[in-house]
Protein backbone atom coordinates (compact mmCIF):
# COMPACT_ATOMS: atom_id res chain seq x y z
CA MET A 1 16.47 -36.15 4.90
CA LYS A 2 16.52 -32.58 5.81
CA PHE A 3 19.60 -30.77 5.08
CA VAL A 4 20.42 -27.11 6.13
CA ILE A 5 23.22 -24.94 4.73
CA ILE A 6 23.67 -21.92 7.00
CA THR A 7 25.53 -18.90 5.41
CA GLY A 8 25.40 -15.17 5.53
CA MET A 9 27.33 -12.31 6.94
CA SER A 10 30.26 -12.69 9.44
CA GLY A 11 28.88 -11.58 12.85
CA ALA A 12 25.27 -12.33 12.00
CA GLY A 13 25.09 -15.36 14.40
CA ARG A 14 26.02 -18.30 11.90
CA SER A 15 27.60 -20.23 14.64
CA GLN A 16 24.78 -19.56 17.19
CA ALA A 17 22.35 -20.61 14.55
CA LEU A 18 24.14 -24.06 13.99
CA LYS A 19 24.41 -24.85 17.76
CA ARG A 20 20.53 -24.23 18.07
CA LEU A 21 19.91 -26.74 15.00
CA GLU A 22 22.29 -29.25 16.90
CA ASP A 23 20.06 -28.62 19.98
CA MET A 24 17.17 -29.59 18.04
CA GLY A 25 18.57 -33.01 16.94
CA TYR A 26 20.54 -32.04 13.58
CA PHE A 27 23.58 -33.75 12.84
CA CYS A 28 25.85 -30.60 12.48
CA VAL A 29 29.54 -29.89 10.97
CA ASP A 30 30.96 -26.49 11.09
CA ASN A 31 32.81 -25.00 8.02
CA LEU A 32 32.93 -27.78 5.57
CA PRO A 33 34.64 -26.87 2.14
CA PRO A 34 31.63 -26.66 -0.27
CA LYS A 35 33.06 -29.84 -2.35
CA LEU A 36 32.92 -31.93 0.63
CA ILE A 37 29.31 -31.13 1.50
CA PRO A 38 27.59 -33.66 -1.07
CA GLU A 39 29.80 -36.37 0.38
CA PHE A 40 28.87 -35.36 3.75
CA ALA A 41 25.25 -35.58 2.81
CA LYS A 42 25.86 -39.07 1.13
CA ILE A 43 27.35 -40.06 4.75
CA CYS A 44 24.43 -38.82 6.50
CA LEU A 45 21.86 -40.77 3.97
CA GLU A 46 23.79 -44.00 4.62
CA ASN A 47 23.28 -43.51 8.43
CA ASP A 48 19.79 -44.85 9.73
CA HIS A 49 20.25 -42.63 12.73
CA ILE A 50 20.66 -39.13 10.80
CA SER A 51 17.35 -37.94 9.67
CA LYS A 52 18.44 -34.15 9.54
CA ALA A 53 22.08 -32.43 9.14
CA ALA A 54 23.51 -28.96 8.73
CA THR A 55 26.72 -27.17 8.26
CA VAL A 56 27.87 -23.64 7.89
CA VAL A 57 29.53 -22.06 4.33
CA ASP A 58 31.34 -18.78 5.12
CA MET A 59 33.99 -16.37 3.46
CA ARG A 60 36.83 -17.91 5.42
CA MET A 61 36.95 -20.33 2.74
CA GLY A 62 38.13 -18.00 0.33
CA ASP A 63 38.04 -19.03 -3.44
CA MET A 64 36.59 -22.31 -2.44
CA LEU A 65 33.33 -20.59 -1.83
CA HIS A 66 32.63 -20.09 -5.43
CA ASP A 67 32.27 -23.81 -5.52
CA ILE A 68 29.19 -23.68 -3.37
CA PHE A 69 26.71 -23.04 -6.44
CA SER A 70 27.87 -26.40 -8.07
CA THR A 71 27.38 -28.18 -4.67
CA ILE A 72 23.81 -26.43 -4.26
CA MET A 73 22.93 -28.02 -7.65
CA CYS A 74 24.46 -31.40 -6.59
CA LEU A 75 22.41 -31.44 -3.39
CA LYS A 76 18.98 -30.58 -5.29
CA GLU A 77 19.75 -33.39 -7.71
CA MET A 78 20.19 -35.97 -4.74
CA ASP A 79 17.46 -38.28 -3.98
CA ASN A 80 15.65 -38.11 -0.38
CA ILE A 81 17.50 -34.69 0.31
CA GLU A 82 15.34 -31.91 1.36
CA LEU A 83 17.55 -28.63 1.33
CA SER A 84 17.04 -25.54 2.99
CA ILE A 85 19.61 -22.56 2.66
CA LEU A 86 19.38 -20.09 5.71
CA TYR A 87 21.28 -16.69 5.27
CA LEU A 88 21.74 -14.62 8.29
CA ASP A 89 22.28 -10.97 7.70
CA ALA A 90 22.25 -7.67 9.98
CA ASP A 91 22.73 -3.98 9.17
CA ASP A 92 26.20 -2.65 9.07
CA GLU A 93 26.06 -0.80 12.38
CA THR A 94 25.09 -3.84 14.20
CA LEU A 95 27.85 -6.02 12.61
CA VAL A 96 30.58 -3.42 13.22
CA ARG A 97 29.34 -2.99 16.85
CA ARG A 98 29.40 -6.95 17.42
CA PHE A 99 32.92 -7.24 15.88
CA LYS A 100 34.28 -4.34 18.27
CA GLU A 101 32.44 -6.13 21.34
CA THR A 102 34.14 -9.49 20.73
CA ARG A 103 37.44 -7.75 19.28
CA ARG A 104 37.71 -10.18 16.63
CA ARG A 105 39.09 -9.07 12.95
CA HIS A 106 36.82 -9.53 10.14
CA PRO A 107 37.82 -12.25 7.96
CA LEU A 108 37.92 -9.72 5.09
CA SER A 109 39.78 -7.09 6.68
CA PRO A 110 43.33 -7.96 7.41
CA ASP A 111 44.01 -4.34 7.82
CA GLY A 112 41.52 -4.00 10.72
CA ASN A 113 38.97 -1.87 8.73
CA ILE A 114 35.83 -3.71 9.65
CA ILE A 115 33.74 -1.45 7.43
CA SER A 116 35.70 -2.12 4.14
CA GLY A 117 35.54 -6.03 5.18
CA ILE A 118 31.83 -5.82 5.52
CA SER A 119 31.29 -4.38 2.34
CA ARG A 120 33.38 -6.79 0.48
CA GLU A 121 31.66 -9.86 2.12
CA ARG A 122 28.24 -8.16 1.31
CA GLU A 123 29.11 -7.87 -2.52
CA SER A 124 30.60 -11.50 -2.46
CA LEU A 125 27.58 -13.12 -0.83
CA LYS A 126 24.72 -11.35 -2.93
CA ARG A 127 24.39 -14.34 -5.20
CA ILE A 128 24.24 -16.58 -2.62
CA LYS A 129 21.38 -14.51 -0.80
CA ASP A 130 19.33 -14.78 -3.72
CA LEU A 131 19.57 -18.59 -3.52
CA ALA A 132 18.30 -18.75 0.16
CA ASN A 133 14.79 -20.04 1.19
CA ASN A 134 15.13 -18.24 4.22
CA VAL A 135 16.63 -14.89 5.08
CA LEU A 136 16.87 -13.70 8.99
CA ASP A 137 17.96 -10.18 9.93
CA THR A 138 19.59 -10.68 13.17
CA SER A 139 20.12 -6.85 13.63
CA THR A 140 17.65 -6.75 16.74
CA TYR A 141 18.42 -10.28 17.82
CA ASN A 142 20.06 -11.60 21.23
CA LEU A 143 20.63 -15.37 21.56
CA LYS A 144 17.31 -15.99 22.80
CA LYS A 145 15.53 -14.31 19.80
CA LEU A 146 17.61 -16.12 17.19
CA GLY A 147 16.91 -19.30 19.10
CA GLU A 148 13.28 -18.64 18.74
CA ALA A 149 13.61 -17.95 15.16
CA MET A 150 15.40 -21.20 14.56
CA GLU A 151 12.65 -23.11 16.35
CA ARG A 152 9.99 -21.24 14.32
CA LEU A 153 11.83 -22.33 10.99
CA TYR A 154 13.00 -25.78 11.56
CA SER A 155 11.35 -27.26 14.49
CA GLU A 156 9.37 -30.66 13.45
CA GLU A 157 5.89 -29.07 14.63
CA ASN A 158 6.30 -25.77 12.51
CA GLU A 159 7.26 -27.12 9.05
CA LYS A 160 3.85 -27.11 7.31
CA GLY A 161 2.95 -24.11 5.38
CA ILE A 162 4.61 -20.72 5.12
CA LEU A 163 5.86 -18.45 8.08
CA ILE A 164 4.40 -15.04 7.95
CA THR A 165 6.36 -12.47 9.91
CA VAL A 166 4.63 -9.30 10.23
CA THR A 167 7.16 -6.54 11.36
CA THR A 168 6.74 -2.74 11.84
CA PHE A 169 9.41 -0.08 11.34
CA GLY A 170 10.16 3.78 11.33
CA TYR A 171 11.43 4.88 8.00
CA LYS A 172 13.77 7.03 9.82
CA ARG A 173 15.72 3.98 10.85
CA GLY A 174 15.43 2.35 7.21
CA ILE A 175 13.73 -0.47 5.85
CA PRO A 176 14.17 -3.95 7.42
CA ILE A 177 16.73 -5.82 4.71
CA ASP A 178 14.98 -9.04 5.10
CA ALA A 179 11.76 -7.54 4.11
CA ASP A 180 9.88 -9.44 1.25
CA MET A 181 6.99 -7.19 1.11
CA VAL A 182 6.99 -3.44 2.16
CA PHE A 183 3.79 -1.51 2.83
CA ASP A 184 3.99 2.45 3.77
CA MET A 185 1.17 3.59 6.10
CA ARG A 186 2.20 7.42 5.77
CA PHE A 187 -1.16 7.82 3.80
CA LEU A 188 -2.94 7.58 7.01
CA PRO A 189 -3.22 10.51 9.39
CA ASN A 190 -0.63 10.74 12.14
CA PRO A 191 -1.80 10.17 15.63
CA TYR A 192 1.42 11.99 16.64
CA TYR A 193 -0.22 15.45 15.69
CA GLU A 194 -3.07 14.53 17.94
CA GLU A 195 -1.82 16.05 21.48
CA SER A 196 -3.84 13.33 23.57
CA LEU A 197 -2.37 10.67 21.40
CA ARG A 198 1.03 11.72 20.80
CA GLU A 199 2.61 9.88 24.20
CA HIS A 200 0.90 6.58 23.39
CA THR A 201 1.75 3.81 20.71
CA GLY A 202 -0.17 1.80 18.61
CA ARG A 203 -0.88 -1.14 21.02
CA GLU A 204 -2.78 1.03 23.01
CA GLN A 205 -6.58 1.38 22.14
CA SER A 206 -6.80 5.34 21.63
CA VAL A 207 -4.33 4.95 19.05
CA LYS A 208 -6.29 2.18 17.42
CA ASP A 209 -9.67 3.63 17.55
CA TYR A 210 -8.08 6.73 15.88
CA VAL A 211 -6.16 4.99 13.05
CA LEU A 212 -8.89 2.51 12.52
CA SER A 213 -11.70 5.35 12.39
CA PHE A 214 -10.58 6.02 8.73
CA PRO A 215 -12.28 3.86 6.33
CA ARG A 216 -8.99 3.75 4.12
CA ALA A 217 -7.27 1.92 6.97
CA HIS A 218 -9.75 -1.02 6.94
CA ILE A 219 -9.69 -1.02 3.14
CA PHE A 220 -5.95 -1.30 2.98
CA ILE A 221 -5.99 -4.14 5.69
CA ASP A 222 -8.48 -6.02 3.22
CA LYS A 223 -6.31 -5.57 0.35
CA ILE A 224 -3.11 -6.88 2.15
CA ASN A 225 -5.09 -9.83 3.55
CA GLU A 226 -6.26 -10.68 0.02
CA LEU A 227 -2.81 -10.28 -1.45
CA VAL A 228 -0.99 -12.32 1.21
CA ASN A 229 -3.57 -15.03 1.04
CA TYR A 230 -3.37 -15.14 -2.89
CA VAL A 231 0.67 -15.37 -3.09
CA ALA A 232 1.16 -17.59 -0.13
CA PRO A 233 0.39 -20.89 -1.73
CA TYR A 234 2.70 -19.99 -4.73
CA TYR A 235 5.38 -19.00 -2.45
CA VAL A 236 4.89 -22.58 -0.90
CA GLU A 237 5.35 -24.10 -4.35
CA GLN A 238 8.64 -22.29 -4.89
CA ASP A 239 9.82 -23.94 -1.74
CA LYS A 240 9.82 -20.12 0.23
CA LYS A 241 9.44 -20.73 4.05
CA THR A 242 9.15 -17.44 5.18
CA LEU A 243 7.26 -14.27 4.18
CA VAL A 244 8.43 -11.21 5.78
CA ILE A 245 5.79 -8.30 5.58
CA ALA A 246 7.35 -4.86 6.80
CA ILE A 247 4.74 -2.16 7.76
CA GLY A 248 6.13 1.12 8.12
CA CYS A 249 5.60 4.90 9.09
CA THR A 250 7.51 7.77 10.06
CA GLY A 251 8.84 6.38 13.50
CA GLY A 252 7.51 2.99 13.69
CA VAL A 253 5.41 3.85 16.72
CA HIS A 254 1.78 4.49 15.98
CA ARG A 255 0.05 3.73 12.21
CA SER A 256 2.22 1.02 11.40
CA VAL A 257 1.91 -0.52 14.74
CA VAL A 258 -1.94 -0.58 14.53
CA ILE A 259 -2.03 -1.94 11.25
CA ALA A 260 0.39 -4.73 11.97
CA GLU A 261 -1.24 -5.64 15.06
CA GLU A 262 -4.85 -6.20 13.08
CA LEU A 263 -3.14 -8.13 10.14
CA TYR A 264 -1.45 -10.46 12.86
CA ARG A 265 -4.76 -11.01 14.23
CA ILE A 266 -6.52 -11.50 11.08
CA PHE A 267 -3.75 -14.12 10.04
CA LYS A 268 -3.95 -15.80 13.20
CA GLU A 269 -7.68 -16.41 13.07
CA GLN A 270 -7.00 -17.67 9.25
CA GLY A 271 -4.89 -20.33 10.60
CA HIS A 272 -1.62 -19.05 9.29
CA ARG A 273 1.77 -19.37 11.17
CA VAL A 274 2.62 -16.04 12.00
CA THR A 275 4.58 -13.99 14.28
CA LEU A 276 4.57 -10.20 15.09
CA GLU A 277 7.63 -8.01 15.76
CA HIS A 278 7.83 -4.12 16.59
CA ARG A 279 11.27 -3.38 15.46
CA ASP A 280 11.50 0.39 16.38
CA LEU A 281 9.04 0.43 19.29
CA GLY A 282 11.82 -0.01 21.81
CA TYR A 283 13.42 3.33 20.72
CA TYR A 284 10.25 5.34 21.38
CA LYS A 285 10.56 7.60 24.46
CA PRO A 286 7.36 9.54 25.19
CA GLY A 287 8.11 13.30 25.54
CA ALA A 288 11.47 12.91 23.60
């Protein structure tokens, strides 16, 4: 039986992720105390109509949260349980905005100081995050995008092999917090300084032609491809379901986009499950 534990930061989308799993046929229970989770799993195993189940664990459980580590060990030792731990995260700015929009109080900030609550929660969940099979950064997600991410991770047809996500970013906005591998494209000449290319992006042929005219770009792409194909089977052996490859440049508009699009094309041709995201491209305003 497939069994998913959803955890992570308050405001990162745990409840919505659980609802999505419910829509996908999972038997779901929200906020079970960790000590009761193995019993819940046993009940599900005894029911012939339940083949997959999920629950959420969060900071509202207070001291009971410490029981989650022994609970995870117990679930891993149970027969016929295929355990997956999903950790949802988002950057502090996004979490603060979401709390303000919903007018909710952070569970760890009774005084109303959202920032201090987020900081305490992030520190408390550090060990759990390290145990997660899948980490999703939902900073740029709406409900639709979160649902699509859950489908990619947990739908029946997408369960074989590792899911590779190639994402671009600009260093001026920080490195993606869910990245497994980070590569810096600032060793390539910057199209921004070519007047005819400045107002274009790496998705346009003129910029692609410029960046890929340098042999070092092709050599680098080949080396990343070789590395990913080497480590992917070993990640699968370690029960890692996702691999997030972050490709960065100064603004996340030109060089990183070209290289990421090439990697996406290559991985797709090789038969990998792969998705492509351009995190900071939406911030780009030509002429600004």
